[in-house]
PDB file of N, CA and C in Angstrom:
ATOM      1  N   UNK A   1     -13.762 -18.003   9.531  1.00  0.00           N
ATOM      2  CA  UNK A   1     -12.432 -18.370   8.990  1.00  0.00           C
ATOM      3  C   UNK A   1     -11.471 -17.224   9.303  1.00  0.00           C
ATOM      4  N   UNK A   2     -10.429 -17.516  10.090  1.00  0.00           N
ATOM      5  CA  UNK A   2      -9.489 -16.462  10.376  1.00  0.00           C
ATOM      6  C   UNK A   2      -8.247 -16.585   9.425  1.00  0.00           C
ATOM      7  N   UNK A   3      -7.750 -15.467   9.049  1.00  0.00           N
ATOM      8  CA  UNK A   3      -6.615 -15.400   8.118  1.00  0.00           C
ATOM      9  C   UNK A   3      -5.330 -15.297   8.904  1.00  0.00           C
ATOM     10  N   UNK A   4      -4.230 -15.793   8.309  1.00  0.00           N
ATOM     11  CA  UNK A   4      -2.937 -15.631   8.963  1.00  0.00           C
ATOM     12  C   UNK A   4      -2.463 -14.203   8.661  1.00  0.00           C
ATOM     13  N   UNK A   5      -1.449 -13.787   9.357  1.00  0.00           N
ATOM     14  CA  UNK A   5      -0.950 -12.419   9.301  1.00  0.00           C
ATOM     15  C   UNK A   5      -0.671 -11.924   7.852  1.00  0.00           C
ATOM     16  N   UNK A   6       0.091 -12.659   7.044  1.00  0.00           N
ATOM     17  CA  UNK A   6       0.325 -12.155   5.674  1.00  0.00           C
ATOM     18  C   UNK A   6      -0.969 -12.005   4.854  1.00  0.00           C
ATOM     19  N   UNK A   7      -1.930 -12.916   5.063  1.00  0.00           N
ATOM     20  CA  UNK A   7      -3.180 -12.832   4.331  1.00  0.00           C
ATOM     21  C   UNK A   7      -3.982 -11.580   4.755  1.00  0.00           C
ATOM     22  N   UNK A   8      -3.984 -11.290   6.066  1.00  0.00           N
ATOM     23  CA  UNK A   8      -4.631 -10.040   6.523  1.00  0.00           C
ATOM     24  C   UNK A   8      -3.996  -8.834   5.922  1.00  0.00           C
ATOM     25  N   UNK A   9      -2.639  -8.816   5.904  1.00  0.00           N
ATOM     26  CA  UNK A   9      -1.924  -7.674   5.283  1.00  0.00           C
ATOM     27  C   UNK A   9      -2.334  -7.511   3.819  1.00  0.00           C
ATOM     28  N   UNK A  10      -2.352  -8.621   3.101  1.00  0.00           N
ATOM     29  CA  UNK A  10      -2.693  -8.574   1.673  1.00  0.00           C
ATOM     30  C   UNK A  10      -4.102  -8.016   1.455  1.00  0.00           C
ATOM     31  N   UNK A  11      -5.043  -8.492   2.259  1.00  0.00           N
ATOM     32  CA  UNK A  11      -6.395  -7.978   2.180  1.00  0.00           C
ATOM     33  C   UNK A  11      -6.473  -6.485   2.441  1.00  0.00           C
ATOM     34  N   UNK A  12      -5.714  -6.039   3.441  1.00  0.00           N
ATOM     35  CA  UNK A  12      -5.708  -4.585   3.766  1.00  0.00           C
ATOM     36  C   UNK A  12      -5.123  -3.792   2.619  1.00  0.00           C
ATOM     37  N   UNK A  13      -4.027  -4.278   2.031  1.00  0.00           N
ATOM     38  CA  UNK A  13      -3.378  -3.587   0.932  1.00  0.00           C
ATOM     39  C   UNK A  13      -4.264  -3.515  -0.309  1.00  0.00           C
ATOM     40  N   UNK A  14      -5.046  -4.556  -0.542  1.00  0.00           N
ATOM     41  CA  UNK A  14      -5.908  -4.616  -1.750  1.00  0.00           C
ATOM     42  C   UNK A  14      -7.205  -3.868  -1.535  1.00  0.00           C
ATOM     43  N   UNK A  15      -7.545  -3.556  -0.267  1.00  0.00           N
ATOM     44  CA  UNK A  15      -8.810  -2.858   0.009  1.00  0.00           C
ATOM     45  C   UNK A  15      -8.572  -1.353  -0.123  1.00  0.00           C
ATOM     46  N   UNK A  16      -9.632  -0.604  -0.374  1.00  0.00           N
ATOM     47  CA  UNK A  16      -9.413   0.860  -0.426  1.00  0.00           C
ATOM     48  C   UNK A  16      -9.867   1.484   0.908  1.00  0.00           C
ATOM     49  N   UNK A  17      -9.975   0.645   1.932  1.00  0.00           N
ATOM     50  CA  UNK A  17     -10.427   1.065   3.227  1.00  0.00           C
ATOM     51  C   UNK A  17      -9.371   1.669   4.066  1.00  0.00           C
ATOM     52  N   UNK A  18      -8.091   1.407   3.808  1.00  0.00           N
ATOM     53  CA  UNK A  18      -6.981   1.856   4.639  1.00  0.00           C
ATOM     54  C   UNK A  18      -6.040   2.818   3.901  1.00  0.00           C
ATOM     55  N   UNK A  19      -5.747   3.936   4.548  1.00  0.00           N
ATOM     56  CA  UNK A  19      -4.815   4.929   3.943  1.00  0.00           C
ATOM     57  C   UNK A  19      -3.468   4.821   4.556  1.00  0.00           C
ATOM     58  N   UNK A  20      -3.325   4.030   5.631  1.00  0.00           N
ATOM     59  CA  UNK A  20      -2.091   3.945   6.409  1.00  0.00           C
ATOM     60  C   UNK A  20      -1.089   2.889   5.909  1.00  0.00           C
ATOM     61  N   UNK A  21      -1.508   2.057   4.983  1.00  0.00           N
ATOM     62  CA  UNK A  21      -0.692   1.000   4.451  1.00  0.00           C
ATOM     63  C   UNK A  21      -0.876   0.882   2.954  1.00  0.00           C
ATOM     64  N   UNK A  22       0.178   0.815   2.170  1.00  0.00           N
ATOM     65  CA  UNK A  22       0.010   0.760   0.733  1.00  0.00           C
ATOM     66  C   UNK A  22       1.189  -0.021   0.078  1.00  0.00           C
ATOM     67  N   UNK A  23       0.907  -0.507  -1.121  1.00  0.00           N
ATOM     68  CA  UNK A  23       1.925  -1.119  -1.931  1.00  0.00           C
ATOM     69  C   UNK A  23       2.796  -0.010  -2.494  1.00  0.00           C
ATOM     70  N   UNK A  24       4.058  -0.310  -2.642  1.00  0.00           N
ATOM     71  CA  UNK A  24       4.923   0.682  -3.239  1.00  0.00           C
ATOM     72  C   UNK A  24       5.854   0.043  -4.235  1.00  0.00           C
ATOM     73  N   UNK A  25       6.596   0.822  -4.995  1.00  0.00           N
ATOM     74  CA  UNK A  25       7.576   0.309  -5.997  1.00  0.00           C
ATOM     75  C   UNK A  25       6.984  -0.796  -6.853  1.00  0.00           C
ATOM     76  N   UNK A  26       5.810  -0.548  -7.436  1.00  0.00           N
ATOM     77  CA  UNK A  26       5.259  -1.572  -8.312  1.00  0.00           C
ATOM     78  C   UNK A  26       4.795  -2.821  -7.566  1.00  0.00           C
ATOM     79  N   UNK A  27       4.512  -2.728  -6.245  1.00  0.00           N
ATOM     80  CA  UNK A  27       4.036  -3.849  -5.517  1.00  0.00           C
ATOM     81  C   UNK A  27       5.106  -4.754  -4.982  1.00  0.00           C
ATOM     82  N   UNK A  28       6.373  -4.254  -4.919  1.00  0.00           N
ATOM     83  CA  UNK A  28       7.462  -5.102  -4.424  1.00  0.00           C
ATOM     84  C   UNK A  28       7.627  -5.043  -2.930  1.00  0.00           C
ATOM     85  N   UNK A  29       7.164  -3.932  -2.293  1.00  0.00           N
ATOM     86  CA  UNK A  29       7.275  -3.837  -0.879  1.00  0.00           C
ATOM     87  C   UNK A  29       6.073  -3.075  -0.333  1.00  0.00           C
ATOM     88  N   UNK A  30       5.944  -3.062   0.996  1.00  0.00           N
ATOM     89  CA  UNK A  30       4.794  -2.388   1.560  1.00  0.00           C
ATOM     90  C   UNK A  30       5.278  -1.185   2.358  1.00  0.00           C
ATOM     91  N   UNK A  31       4.526  -0.176   2.435  1.00  0.00           N
ATOM     92  CA  UNK A  31       4.853   1.061   3.212  1.00  0.00           C
ATOM     93  C   UNK A  31       3.740   1.241   4.234  1.00  0.00           C
ATOM     94  N   UNK A  32       4.118   1.601   5.410  1.00  0.00           N
ATOM     95  CA  UNK A  32       3.179   1.847   6.517  1.00  0.00           C
ATOM     96  C   UNK A  32       3.418   3.188   7.134  1.00  0.00           C
ATOM     97  N   UNK A  33       2.424   4.061   7.141  1.00  0.00           N
ATOM     98  CA  UNK A  33       2.513   5.316   7.842  1.00  0.00           C
ATOM     99  C   UNK A  33       2.238   4.992   9.328  1.00  0.00           C
ATOM    100  N   UNK A  34       3.267   4.987  10.143  1.00  0.00           N
ATOM    101  CA  UNK A  34       3.199   4.470  11.522  1.00  0.00           C
ATOM    102  C   UNK A  34       2.116   5.125  12.336  1.00  0.00           C
ATOM    103  N   UNK A  35       2.060   6.470  12.380  1.00  0.00           N
ATOM    104  CA  UNK A  35       1.044   7.178  13.235  1.00  0.00           C
ATOM    105  C   UNK A  35      -0.359   6.911  12.748  1.00  0.00           C
ATOM    106  N   UNK A  36      -0.561   6.969  11.447  1.00  0.00           N
ATOM    107  CA  UNK A  36      -1.905   6.755  10.854  1.00  0.00           C
ATOM    108  C   UNK A  36      -2.362   5.289  11.064  1.00  0.00           C
ATOM    109  N   UNK A  37      -1.381   4.389  10.938  1.00  0.00           N
ATOM    110  CA  UNK A  37      -1.683   2.956  11.139  1.00  0.00           C
ATOM    111  C   UNK A  37      -2.154   2.677  12.548  1.00  0.00           C
ATOM    112  N   UNK A  38      -1.455   3.304  13.555  1.00  0.00           N
ATOM    113  CA  UNK A  38      -1.820   3.171  14.976  1.00  0.00           C
ATOM    114  C   UNK A  38      -3.306   3.612  15.171  1.00  0.00           C
ATOM    115  N   UNK A  39      -3.650   4.708  14.538  1.00  0.00           N
ATOM    116  CA  UNK A  39      -4.977   5.272  14.730  1.00  0.00           C
ATOM    117  C   UNK A  39      -6.011   4.497  13.940  1.00  0.00           C
ATOM    118  N   UNK A  40      -5.734   4.259  12.650  1.00  0.00           N
ATOM    119  CA  UNK A  40      -6.701   3.710  11.713  1.00  0.00           C
ATOM    120  C   UNK A  40      -6.885   2.194  11.882  1.00  0.00           C
ATOM    121  N   UNK A  41      -5.803   1.456  12.152  1.00  0.00           N
ATOM    122  CA  UNK A  41      -5.891  -0.006  12.238  1.00  0.00           C
ATOM    123  C   UNK A  41      -5.885  -0.527  13.672  1.00  0.00           C
ATOM    124  N   UNK A  42      -4.847  -0.114  14.395  1.00  0.00           N
ATOM    125  CA  UNK A  42      -4.649  -0.621  15.745  1.00  0.00           C
ATOM    126  C   UNK A  42      -5.639  -0.055  16.777  1.00  0.00           C
ATOM    127  N   UNK A  43      -6.233   1.049  16.395  1.00  0.00           N
ATOM    128  CA  UNK A  43      -7.225   1.712  17.263  1.00  0.00           C
ATOM    129  C   UNK A  43      -8.619   1.094  17.209  1.00  0.00           C
ATOM    130  N   UNK A  44      -8.810   0.133  16.263  1.00  0.00           N
ATOM    131  CA  UNK A  44     -10.126  -0.472  16.126  1.00  0.00           C
ATOM    132  C   UNK A  44     -10.404  -1.481  17.252  1.00  0.00           C
ATOM    133  N   UNK A  45     -11.678  -1.564  17.615  1.00  0.00           N
ATOM    134  CA  UNK A  45     -12.086  -2.497  18.674  1.00  0.00           C
ATOM    135  C   UNK A  45     -13.309  -3.290  18.228  1.00  0.00           C
ATOM    136  N   UNK A  46     -13.588  -4.367  18.943  1.00  0.00           N
ATOM    137  CA  UNK A  46     -14.785  -5.166  18.629  1.00  0.00           C
ATOM    138  C   UNK A  46     -14.687  -5.819  17.262  1.00  0.00           C
ATOM    139  N   UNK A  47     -15.857  -5.877  16.571  1.00  0.00           N
ATOM    140  CA  UNK A  47     -15.909  -6.580  15.246  1.00  0.00           C
ATOM    141  C   UNK A  47     -15.060  -5.876  14.173  1.00  0.00           C
ATOM    142  N   UNK A  48     -14.728  -4.607  14.367  1.00  0.00           N
ATOM    143  CA  UNK A  48     -13.906  -3.866  13.401  1.00  0.00           C
ATOM    144  C   UNK A  48     -12.438  -4.122  13.552  1.00  0.00           C
ATOM    145  N   UNK A  49     -12.054  -4.791  14.678  1.00  0.00           N
ATOM    146  CA  UNK A  49     -10.646  -5.062  14.947  1.00  0.00           C
ATOM    147  C   UNK A  49     -10.002  -5.948  13.885  1.00  0.00           C
ATOM    148  N   UNK A  50      -8.794  -5.532  13.416  1.00  0.00           N
ATOM    149  CA  UNK A  50      -8.096  -6.281  12.351  1.00  0.00           C
ATOM    150  C   UNK A  50      -7.100  -7.229  13.032  1.00  0.00           C
ATOM    151  N   UNK A  51      -6.315  -6.740  13.926  1.00  0.00           N
ATOM    152  CA  UNK A  51      -5.281  -7.578  14.606  1.00  0.00           C
ATOM    153  C   UNK A  51      -5.634  -7.635  16.077  1.00  0.00           C
ATOM    154  N   UNK A  52      -5.196  -8.633  16.777  1.00  0.00           N
ATOM    155  CA  UNK A  52      -5.438  -8.827  18.192  1.00  0.00           C
ATOM    156  C   UNK A  52      -4.395  -8.085  19.004  1.00  0.00           C
ATOM    157  N   UNK A  53      -4.040  -6.896  18.617  1.00  0.00           N
ATOM    158  CA  UNK A  53      -3.069  -6.093  19.282  1.00  0.00           C
ATOM    159  C   UNK A  53      -3.358  -4.613  18.992  1.00  0.00           C
ATOM    160  N   UNK A  54      -2.860  -3.767  19.893  1.00  0.00           N
ATOM    161  CA  UNK A  54      -2.935  -2.327  19.666  1.00  0.00           C
ATOM    162  C   UNK A  54      -1.494  -1.764  19.598  1.00  0.00           C
ATOM    163  N   UNK A  55      -0.542  -2.641  19.505  1.00  0.00           N
ATOM    164  CA  UNK A  55       0.877  -2.265  19.604  1.00  0.00           C
ATOM    165  C   UNK A  55       1.560  -2.380  18.198  1.00  0.00           C
ATOM    166  N   UNK A  56       2.160  -1.268  17.753  1.00  0.00           N
ATOM    167  CA  UNK A  56       2.912  -1.284  16.504  1.00  0.00           C
ATOM    168  C   UNK A  56       4.119  -2.203  16.605  1.00  0.00           C
ATOM    169  N   UNK A  57       4.658  -2.345  17.809  1.00  0.00           N
ATOM    170  CA  UNK A  57       5.798  -3.259  18.024  1.00  0.00           C
ATOM    171  C   UNK A  57       5.419  -4.684  17.761  1.00  0.00           C
ATOM    172  N   UNK A  58       4.182  -5.073  18.121  1.00  0.00           N
ATOM    173  CA  UNK A  58       3.713  -6.454  17.854  1.00  0.00           C
ATOM    174  C   UNK A  58       3.578  -6.673  16.335  1.00  0.00           C
ATOM    175  N   UNK A  59       3.129  -5.664  15.617  1.00  0.00           N
ATOM    176  CA  UNK A  59       2.955  -5.773  14.150  1.00  0.00           C
ATOM    177  C   UNK A  59       4.358  -5.907  13.518  1.00  0.00           C
ATOM    178  N   UNK A  60       5.322  -5.174  13.964  1.00  0.00           N
ATOM    179  CA  UNK A  60       6.678  -5.245  13.453  1.00  0.00           C
ATOM    180  C   UNK A  60       7.294  -6.621  13.757  1.00  0.00           C
ATOM    181  N   UNK A  61       7.009  -7.100  14.940  1.00  0.00           N
ATOM    182  CA  UNK A  61       7.494  -8.441  15.321  1.00  0.00           C
ATOM    183  C   UNK A  61       6.863  -9.505  14.353  1.00  0.00           C
ATOM    184  N   UNK A  62       5.606  -9.367  14.068  1.00  0.00           N
ATOM    185  CA  UNK A  62       4.918 -10.274  13.136  1.00  0.00           C
ATOM    186  C   UNK A  62       5.599 -10.203  11.731  1.00  0.00           C
ATOM    187  N   UNK A  63       5.837  -9.000  11.264  1.00  0.00           N
ATOM    188  CA  UNK A  63       6.534  -8.832   9.994  1.00  0.00           C
ATOM    189  C   UNK A  63       7.839  -9.574  10.011  1.00  0.00           C
ATOM    190  N   UNK A  64       8.606  -9.401  11.052  1.00  0.00           N
ATOM    191  CA  UNK A  64       9.903 -10.111  11.166  1.00  0.00           C
ATOM    192  C   UNK A  64       9.738 -11.637  11.203  1.00  0.00           C
ATOM    193  N   UNK A  65       8.735 -12.099  11.953  1.00  0.00           N
ATOM    194  CA  UNK A  65       8.462 -13.557  12.031  1.00  0.00           C
ATOM    195  C   UNK A  65       8.212 -14.158  10.670  1.00  0.00           C
ATOM    196  N   UNK A  66       7.545 -13.364   9.803  1.00  0.00           N
ATOM    197  CA  UNK A  66       7.203 -13.822   8.465  1.00  0.00           C
ATOM    198  C   UNK A  66       8.189 -13.492   7.435  1.00  0.00           C
ATOM    199  N   UNK A  67       9.414 -13.090   7.813  1.00  0.00           N
ATOM    200  CA  UNK A  67      10.515 -12.921   6.872  1.00  0.00           C
ATOM    201  C   UNK A  67      10.562 -11.604   6.169  1.00  0.00           C
ATOM    202  N   UNK A  68       9.821 -10.594   6.654  1.00  0.00           N
ATOM    203  CA  UNK A  68       9.908  -9.246   6.093  1.00  0.00           C
ATOM    204  C   UNK A  68      11.194  -8.551   6.637  1.00  0.00           C
ATOM    205  N   UNK A  69      11.811  -7.806   5.797  1.00  0.00           N
ATOM    206  CA  UNK A  69      13.006  -7.032   6.243  1.00  0.00           C
ATOM    207  C   UNK A  69      12.710  -5.539   6.031  1.00  0.00           C
ATOM    208  N   UNK A  70      13.155  -4.757   7.022  1.00  0.00           N
ATOM    209  CA  UNK A  70      12.941  -3.332   6.960  1.00  0.00           C
ATOM    210  C   UNK A  70      13.900  -2.727   5.940  1.00  0.00           C
ATOM    211  N   UNK A  71      13.410  -1.809   5.152  1.00  0.00           N
ATOM    212  CA  UNK A  71      14.250  -1.125   4.175  1.00  0.00           C
ATOM    213  C   UNK A  71      14.518   0.294   4.752  1.00  0.00           C
ATOM    214  N   UNK A  72      15.751   0.737   4.547  1.00  0.00           N
ATOM    215  CA  UNK A  72      16.111   2.064   5.016  1.00  0.00           C
ATOM    216  C   UNK A  72      15.638   3.116   4.027  1.00  0.00           C
ATOM    217  N   UNK A  73      15.385   4.305   4.549  1.00  0.00           N
ATOM    218  CA  UNK A  73      14.928   5.401   3.746  1.00  0.00           C
ATOM    219  C   UNK A  73      15.938   5.678   2.610  1.00  0.00           C
ATOM    220  N   UNK A  74      15.450   5.853   1.421  1.00  0.00           N
ATOM    221  CA  UNK A  74      16.377   6.042   0.293  1.00  0.00           C
ATOM    222  C   UNK A  74      16.555   4.784  -0.547  1.00  0.00           C
ATOM    223  N   UNK A  75      16.458   3.593   0.113  1.00  0.00           N
ATOM    224  CA  UNK A  75      16.553   2.327  -0.636  1.00  0.00           C
ATOM    225  C   UNK A  75      15.321   2.093  -1.433  1.00  0.00           C
ATOM    226  N   UNK A  76      14.215   2.743  -0.978  1.00  0.00           N
ATOM    227  CA  UNK A  76      12.916   2.405  -1.493  1.00  0.00           C
ATOM    228  C   UNK A  76      12.244   3.480  -2.354  1.00  0.00           C
ATOM    229  N   UNK A  77      13.024   4.210  -3.090  1.00  0.00           N
ATOM    230  CA  UNK A  77      12.448   5.289  -3.932  1.00  0.00           C
ATOM    231  C   UNK A  77      11.438   4.721  -4.955  1.00  0.00           C
ATOM    232  N   UNK A  78      10.297   5.329  -5.027  1.00  0.00           N
ATOM    233  CA  UNK A  78       9.276   4.864  -5.952  1.00  0.00           C
ATOM    234  C   UNK A  78       9.567   5.235  -7.375  1.00  0.00           C
ATOM    235  N   UNK A  79       9.154   4.402  -8.256  1.00  0.00           N
ATOM    236  CA  UNK A  79       9.346   4.601  -9.664  1.00  0.00           C
ATOM    237  C   UNK A  79       8.377   5.649 -10.212  1.00  0.00           C
ATOM    238  N   UNK A  80       7.165   5.644  -9.664  1.00  0.00           N
ATOM    239  CA  UNK A  80       6.170   6.561 -10.224  1.00  0.00           C
ATOM    240  C   UNK A  80       6.093   7.865  -9.467  1.00  0.00           C
ATOM    241  N   UNK A  81       5.846   8.918 -10.204  1.00  0.00           N
ATOM    242  CA  UNK A  81       5.790  10.235  -9.566  1.00  0.00           C
ATOM    243  C   UNK A  81       4.715  10.362  -8.481  1.00  0.00           C
ATOM    244  N   UNK A  82       3.449   9.876  -8.736  1.00  0.00           N
ATOM    245  CA  UNK A  82       2.445   9.995  -7.670  1.00  0.00           C
ATOM    246  C   UNK A  82       2.871   9.287  -6.404  1.00  0.00           C
ATOM    247  N   UNK A  83       3.486   8.098  -6.503  1.00  0.00           N
ATOM    248  CA  UNK A  83       3.940   7.396  -5.317  1.00  0.00           C
ATOM    249  C   UNK A  83       5.020   8.119  -4.585  1.00  0.00           C
ATOM    250  N   UNK A  84       5.951   8.651  -5.394  1.00  0.00           N
ATOM    251  CA  UNK A  84       7.060   9.428  -4.803  1.00  0.00           C
ATOM    252  C   UNK A  84       6.532  10.671  -4.070  1.00  0.00           C
ATOM    253  N   UNK A  85       5.607  11.348  -4.652  1.00  0.00           N
ATOM    254  CA  UNK A  85       5.002  12.576  -4.012  1.00  0.00           C
ATOM    255  C   UNK A  85       4.239  12.185  -2.745  1.00  0.00           C
ATOM    256  N   UNK A  86       3.501  11.055  -2.782  1.00  0.00           N
ATOM    257  CA  UNK A  86       2.727  10.609  -1.619  1.00  0.00           C
ATOM    258  C   UNK A  86       3.713  10.241  -0.471  1.00  0.00           C
ATOM    259  N   UNK A  87       4.814   9.585  -0.789  1.00  0.00           N
ATOM    260  CA  UNK A  87       5.801   9.249   0.227  1.00  0.00           C
ATOM    261  C   UNK A  87       6.464  10.504   0.818  1.00  0.00           C
ATOM    262  N   UNK A  88       6.764  11.442  -0.059  1.00  0.00           N
ATOM    263  CA  UNK A  88       7.354  12.695   0.397  1.00  0.00           C
ATOM    264  C   UNK A  88       6.417  13.471   1.317  1.00  0.00           C
ATOM    265  N   UNK A  89       5.131  13.506   0.922  1.00  0.00           N
ATOM    266  CA  UNK A  89       4.118  14.223   1.738  1.00  0.00           C
ATOM    267  C   UNK A  89       3.986  13.538   3.113  1.00  0.00           C
ATOM    268  N   UNK A  90       3.977  12.197   3.097  1.00  0.00           N
ATOM    269  CA  UNK A  90       3.852  11.470   4.344  1.00  0.00           C
ATOM    270  C   UNK A  90       5.078  11.727   5.232  1.00  0.00           C
ATOM    271  N   UNK A  91       6.271  11.711   4.591  1.00  0.00           N
ATOM    272  CA  UNK A  91       7.478  11.907   5.367  1.00  0.00           C
ATOM    273  C   UNK A  91       7.581  13.332   5.883  1.00  0.00           C
ATOM    274  N   UNK A  92       7.127  14.289   5.098  1.00  0.00           N
ATOM    275  CA  UNK A  92       7.261  15.702   5.551  1.00  0.00           C
ATOM    276  C   UNK A  92       6.220  16.037   6.609  1.00  0.00           C
ATOM    277  N   UNK A  93       5.229  15.205   6.773  1.00  0.00           N
ATOM    278  CA  UNK A  93       4.203  15.461   7.787  1.00  0.00           C
ATOM    279  C   UNK A  93       4.670  14.980   9.152  1.00  0.00           C
ATOM    280  N   UNK A  94       5.979  14.714   9.271  1.00  0.00           N
ATOM    281  CA  UNK A  94       6.616  14.245  10.524  1.00  0.00           C
ATOM    282  C   UNK A  94       6.131  12.913  10.959  1.00  0.00           C
ATOM    283  N   UNK A  95       5.532  12.152  10.042  1.00  0.00           N
ATOM    284  CA  UNK A  95       5.125  10.798  10.396  1.00  0.00           C
ATOM    285  C   UNK A  95       6.169   9.819   9.834  1.00  0.00           C
ATOM    286  N   UNK A  96       6.353   8.763  10.518  1.00  0.00           N
ATOM    287  CA  UNK A  96       7.360   7.774  10.146  1.00  0.00           C
ATOM    288  C   UNK A  96       6.714   6.817   9.119  1.00  0.00           C
ATOM    289  N   UNK A  97       7.341   6.694   7.965  1.00  0.00           N
ATOM    290  CA  UNK A  97       6.879   5.699   6.943  1.00  0.00           C
ATOM    291  C   UNK A  97       7.839   4.557   7.029  1.00  0.00           C
ATOM    292  N   UNK A  98       7.332   3.378   7.402  1.00  0.00           N
ATOM    293  CA  UNK A  98       8.104   2.168   7.554  1.00  0.00           C
ATOM    294  C   UNK A  98       7.914   1.365   6.266  1.00  0.00           C
ATOM    295  N   UNK A  99       9.006   0.838   5.695  1.00  0.00           N
ATOM    296  CA  UNK A  99       8.951   0.056   4.468  1.00  0.00           C
ATOM    297  C   UNK A  99       9.521  -1.327   4.769  1.00  0.00           C
ATOM    298  N   UNK A 100       8.751  -2.325   4.295  1.00  0.00           N
ATOM    299  CA  UNK A 100       9.184  -3.701   4.535  1.00  0.00           C
ATOM    300  C   UNK A 100       9.067  -4.514   3.199  1.00  0.00           C
ATOM    301  N   UNK A 101      10.070  -5.395   3.026  1.00  0.00           N
ATOM    302  CA  UNK A 101      10.173  -6.208   1.829  1.00  0.00           C
ATOM    303  C   UNK A 101      10.217  -7.662   2.210  1.00  0.00           C
ATOM    304  N   UNK A 102       9.522  -8.481   1.401  1.00  0.00           N
ATOM    305  CA  UNK A 102       9.585  -9.947   1.507  1.00  0.00           C
ATOM    306  C   UNK A 102       9.443 -10.450   0.083  1.00  0.00           C
ATOM    307  N   UNK A 103      10.409 -11.275  -0.379  1.00  0.00           N
ATOM    308  CA  UNK A 103      10.373 -11.764  -1.767  1.00  0.00           C
ATOM    309  C   UNK A 103       9.086 -12.586  -2.104  1.00  0.00           C
ATOM    310  N   UNK A 104       8.470 -13.109  -1.039  1.00  0.00           N
ATOM    311  CA  UNK A 104       7.247 -13.923  -1.240  1.00  0.00           C
ATOM    312  C   UNK A 104       5.964 -13.112  -1.104  1.00  0.00           C
ATOM    313  N   UNK A 105       6.146 -11.818  -0.907  1.00  0.00           N
ATOM    314  CA  UNK A 105       4.973 -10.895  -0.754  1.00  0.00           C
ATOM    315  C   UNK A 105       5.072  -9.844  -1.802  1.00  0.00           C
ATOM    316  N   UNK A 106       4.538 -10.155  -2.984  1.00  0.00           N
ATOM    317  CA  UNK A 106       4.707  -9.292  -4.164  1.00  0.00           C
ATOM    318  C   UNK A 106       3.333  -9.193  -4.857  1.00  0.00           C
ATOM    319  N   UNK A 107       2.863  -7.958  -5.046  1.00  0.00           N
ATOM    320  CA  UNK A 107       1.533  -7.736  -5.612  1.00  0.00           C
ATOM    321  C   UNK A 107       1.381  -8.408  -6.982  1.00  0.00           C
ATOM    322  N   UNK A 108       2.389  -8.479  -7.796  1.00  0.00           N
ATOM    323  CA  UNK A 108       2.326  -9.052  -9.115  1.00  0.00           C
ATOM    324  C   UNK A 108       2.327 -10.571  -9.112  1.00  0.00           C
ATOM    325  N   UNK A 109       2.641 -11.166  -7.934  1.00  0.00           N
ATOM    326  CA  UNK A 109       2.719 -12.625  -7.840  1.00  0.00           C
ATOM    327  C   UNK A 109       1.972 -13.120  -6.599  1.00  0.00           C
ATOM    328  N   UNK A 110       0.625 -13.017  -6.598  1.00  0.00           N
ATOM    329  CA  UNK A 110      -0.152 -13.450  -5.410  1.00  0.00           C
ATOM    330  C   UNK A 110       0.063 -14.930  -5.052  1.00  0.00           C
ATOM    331  N   UNK A 111       0.439 -15.749  -6.053  1.00  0.00           N
ATOM    332  CA  UNK A 111       0.634 -17.177  -5.774  1.00  0.00           C
ATOM    333  C   UNK A 111       1.784 -17.447  -4.790  1.00  0.00           C
ATOM    334  N   UNK A 112       2.706 -16.429  -4.651  1.00  0.00           N
ATOM    335  CA  UNK A 112       3.813 -16.591  -3.725  1.00  0.00           C
ATOM    336  C   UNK A 112       3.397 -16.442  -2.273  1.00  0.00           C
ATOM    337  N   UNK A 113       2.235 -15.868  -2.037  1.00  0.00           N
ATOM    338  CA  UNK A 113       1.754 -15.627  -0.706  1.00  0.00           C
ATOM    339  C   UNK A 113       1.784 -16.904   0.150  1.00  0.00           C
ATOM    340  N   UNK A 114       1.453 -18.045  -0.441  1.00  0.00           N
ATOM    341  CA  UNK A 114       1.423 -19.299   0.341  1.00  0.00           C
ATOM    342  C   UNK A 114       2.848 -19.693   0.847  1.00  0.00           C
ATOM    343  N   UNK A 115       3.876 -19.136   0.224  1.00  0.00           N
ATOM    344  CA  UNK A 115       5.256 -19.365   0.712  1.00  0.00           C
ATOM    345  C   UNK A 115       5.680 -18.433   1.820  1.00  0.00           C
ATOM    346  N   UNK A 116       4.855 -17.486   2.099  1.00  0.00           N
ATOM    347  CA  UNK A 116       5.138 -16.515   3.152  1.00  0.00           C
ATOM    348  C   UNK A 116       4.768 -17.117   4.507  1.00  0.00           C
ATOM    349  N   UNK A 117       5.705 -17.907   5.039  1.00  0.00           N
ATOM    350  CA  UNK A 117       5.418 -18.686   6.264  1.00  0.00           C
ATOM    351  C   UNK A 117       6.136 -18.093   7.488  1.00  0.00           C
ATOM    352  N   UNK A 118       5.569 -18.406   8.637  1.00  0.00           N
ATOM    353  CA  UNK A 118       6.163 -17.975   9.889  1.00  0.00           C
ATOM    354  C   UNK A 118       7.433 -18.730  10.137  1.00  0.00           C
ATOM    355  N   UNK A 119       8.454 -18.064  10.570  1.00  0.00           N
ATOM    356  CA  UNK A 119       9.788 -18.715  10.845  1.00  0.00           C
ATOM    357  C   UNK A 119       9.725 -19.576  12.090  1.00  0.00           C
TER     358      UNK A 119
END
């Protein structure tokens, strides 16, 4: 059984297997450490492969197809101190942290995931 893109994202976010993608701001948006994501997720091959691409541009295109919008730095300040410190550490390590929001992709409301459809 293969999962659609938002379902794969959700599984990744809920698993403790990935450090390159996480829920932020109380689960209202997702954050992706671009360099680590390329290595940790897109670098996988064979049965370990998550997506059928090794391109971050393809992942961003999928996010856009499913109605995610990119948030600018500063718009997405975390409420909790540990999240804030983690984001600052990631940002100061010269890695790009990408943040995306979709009203139907919210950790507190998993039932909305079925509304997260491809445009």
